[in-house]
């Protein structure tokens, strides 16, 4: 049986995801902080894409990537200089990956890669099937 291509969910806010989105690729306009990551954790996308929001004090704009990594979930962020915060279409069409957790790196997602290319990589990444 051939694995299905994961659904692509383009949401301006990661809060729009639900458990029905499990296994999707979630492109959001949300910052990559812990509060956003908690919504992604509840939905369990294959890959969550956030905005680095300028990174912030003590890396607050990216802290969610580590939280998701601790749960084995891939996550990355696009540079705030490449895409508008709160605009998922801009994340997908204009975003350039600035940071990725280890699970995303294992899928081939790398800093400097266009978000659209990272999305294509994650669609073809090997994953467990049941």
Protein backbone atom coordinates (compact mmCIF):
# COMPACT_ATOMS: atom_id res chain seq x y z
CA UNK A 1 0.00 0.00 0.00
CA UNK A 2 1.39 3.38 -1.03
CA UNK A 3 1.43 6.02 1.73
CA UNK A 4 -0.85 9.00 1.14
CA UNK A 5 0.58 12.42 0.50
CA UNK A 6 -0.04 14.47 3.65
CA UNK A 7 -2.67 17.17 3.46
CA UNK A 8 -1.40 20.72 3.28
CA UNK A 9 -3.10 23.01 5.82
CA UNK A 10 -2.48 26.71 5.29
CA UNK A 11 -3.65 28.57 8.40
CA UNK A 12 -2.92 32.15 9.37
CA UNK A 13 -3.02 31.03 13.01
CA UNK A 14 -1.84 27.65 14.25
CA UNK A 15 -4.84 27.75 16.61
CA UNK A 16 -7.00 26.79 13.60
CA UNK A 17 -5.62 23.22 13.63
CA UNK A 18 -7.63 20.40 15.18
CA UNK A 19 -6.86 16.74 15.93
CA UNK A 20 -8.40 15.98 12.51
CA UNK A 21 -5.27 17.63 11.04
CA UNK A 22 -2.92 14.98 12.47
CA UNK A 23 -0.26 14.07 9.92
CA UNK A 24 -0.77 17.19 7.80
CA UNK A 25 1.84 19.72 6.83
CA UNK A 26 0.82 22.86 8.69
CA UNK A 27 1.93 26.16 7.16
CA UNK A 28 1.10 28.97 9.56
CA UNK A 29 1.62 32.65 10.04
CA UNK A 30 2.08 32.14 13.79
CA UNK A 31 5.28 32.80 15.72
CA UNK A 32 7.29 29.74 16.73
CA UNK A 33 6.99 30.32 20.46
CA UNK A 34 5.86 27.83 23.09
CA UNK A 35 2.23 28.96 23.10
CA UNK A 36 1.95 28.29 19.36
CA UNK A 37 3.76 24.97 19.64
CA UNK A 38 1.20 23.75 22.18
CA UNK A 39 -1.53 24.06 19.54
CA UNK A 40 0.62 22.16 17.05
CA UNK A 41 1.36 19.52 19.68
CA UNK A 42 -2.38 18.96 20.19
CA UNK A 43 -2.94 18.53 16.43
CA UNK A 44 0.30 16.56 15.72
CA UNK A 45 1.14 17.67 12.15
CA UNK A 46 3.88 15.87 10.25
CA UNK A 47 5.60 19.26 9.92
CA UNK A 48 4.70 22.61 11.48
CA UNK A 49 6.00 25.80 9.85
CA UNK A 50 6.08 29.02 11.87
CA UNK A 51 7.52 32.54 11.57
CA UNK A 52 10.67 33.18 13.64
CA UNK A 53 9.16 36.55 14.67
CA UNK A 54 12.60 38.13 14.85
CA UNK A 55 13.66 35.39 17.28
CA UNK A 56 13.12 37.61 20.32
CA UNK A 57 14.65 37.70 23.77
CA UNK A 58 16.21 34.39 24.79
CA UNK A 59 14.99 32.84 21.52
CA UNK A 60 11.32 33.10 22.52
CA UNK A 61 10.17 33.24 18.87
CA UNK A 62 11.66 29.79 18.27
CA UNK A 63 11.22 28.07 21.63
CA UNK A 64 8.35 25.97 20.31
CA UNK A 65 10.63 24.12 17.89
CA UNK A 66 12.40 22.46 20.85
CA UNK A 67 9.09 21.64 22.54
CA UNK A 68 7.87 19.89 19.41
CA UNK A 69 11.22 18.11 18.96
CA UNK A 70 10.91 16.71 22.48
CA UNK A 71 7.68 15.06 21.30
CA UNK A 72 9.25 13.79 18.06
CA UNK A 73 7.49 16.33 15.85
CA UNK A 74 9.16 18.20 13.00
CA UNK A 75 9.01 21.98 13.06
CA UNK A 76 10.74 24.89 11.38
CA UNK A 77 10.43 28.63 11.08
CA UNK A 78 10.78 31.08 8.23
CA UNK A 79 12.67 34.33 8.63
CA UNK A 80 10.50 37.26 9.65
CA UNK A 81 12.29 39.27 6.97
CA UNK A 82 11.03 36.90 4.27
CA UNK A 83 7.34 36.49 5.14
CA UNK A 84 4.64 38.46 6.89
CA UNK A 85 3.74 37.32 10.40
CA UNK A 86 0.13 36.20 10.57
CA UNK A 87 -0.05 35.50 6.82
CA UNK A 88 0.28 31.82 6.00
CA UNK A 89 0.16 32.42 2.24
CA UNK A 90 3.19 34.68 2.62
CA UNK A 91 4.89 31.97 4.72
CA UNK A 92 4.38 29.42 1.95
CA UNK A 93 5.05 31.65 -1.06
CA UNK A 94 7.75 33.99 0.25
CA UNK A 95 9.19 32.35 3.37
CA UNK A 96 12.79 31.21 3.64
CA UNK A 97 13.55 28.68 6.36
CA UNK A 98 15.69 30.23 9.08
CA UNK A 99 15.60 27.46 11.71
CA UNK A 100 14.61 23.79 11.87
CA UNK A 101 14.53 21.24 14.67
CA UNK A 102 16.27 17.86 14.33
CA UNK A 103 13.12 16.07 13.15
CA UNK A 104 12.67 18.63 10.35
CA UNK A 105 16.36 18.41 9.46
CA UNK A 106 15.95 14.63 9.13
CA UNK A 107 13.24 15.31 6.52
CA UNK A 108 15.65 17.47 4.54
CA UNK A 109 14.31 20.83 5.70
CA UNK A 110 17.28 23.21 5.96
CA UNK A 111 17.88 26.89 6.71
CA UNK A 112 18.07 28.84 3.45
CA UNK A 113 15.50 26.63 1.71
CA UNK A 114 12.31 28.21 0.40
CA UNK A 115 9.28 27.16 2.42
CA UNK A 116 7.61 25.85 -0.74
CA UNK A 117 10.62 23.56 -1.36
CA UNK A 118 10.61 22.42 2.28
CA UNK A 119 6.93 21.57 1.93
CA UNK A 120 7.65 19.46 -1.15
CA UNK A 121 10.46 17.65 0.71
CA UNK A 122 8.28 16.89 3.70
CA UNK A 123 5.52 15.54 1.42
CA UNK A 124 7.97 12.96 0.08
CA UNK A 125 9.77 12.20 3.36
CA UNK A 126 9.57 8.57 4.49
CA UNK A 127 7.22 8.04 7.40
CA UNK A 128 5.63 5.22 9.30
CA UNK A 129 2.45 3.74 7.89
CA UNK A 130 -0.10 1.72 9.77
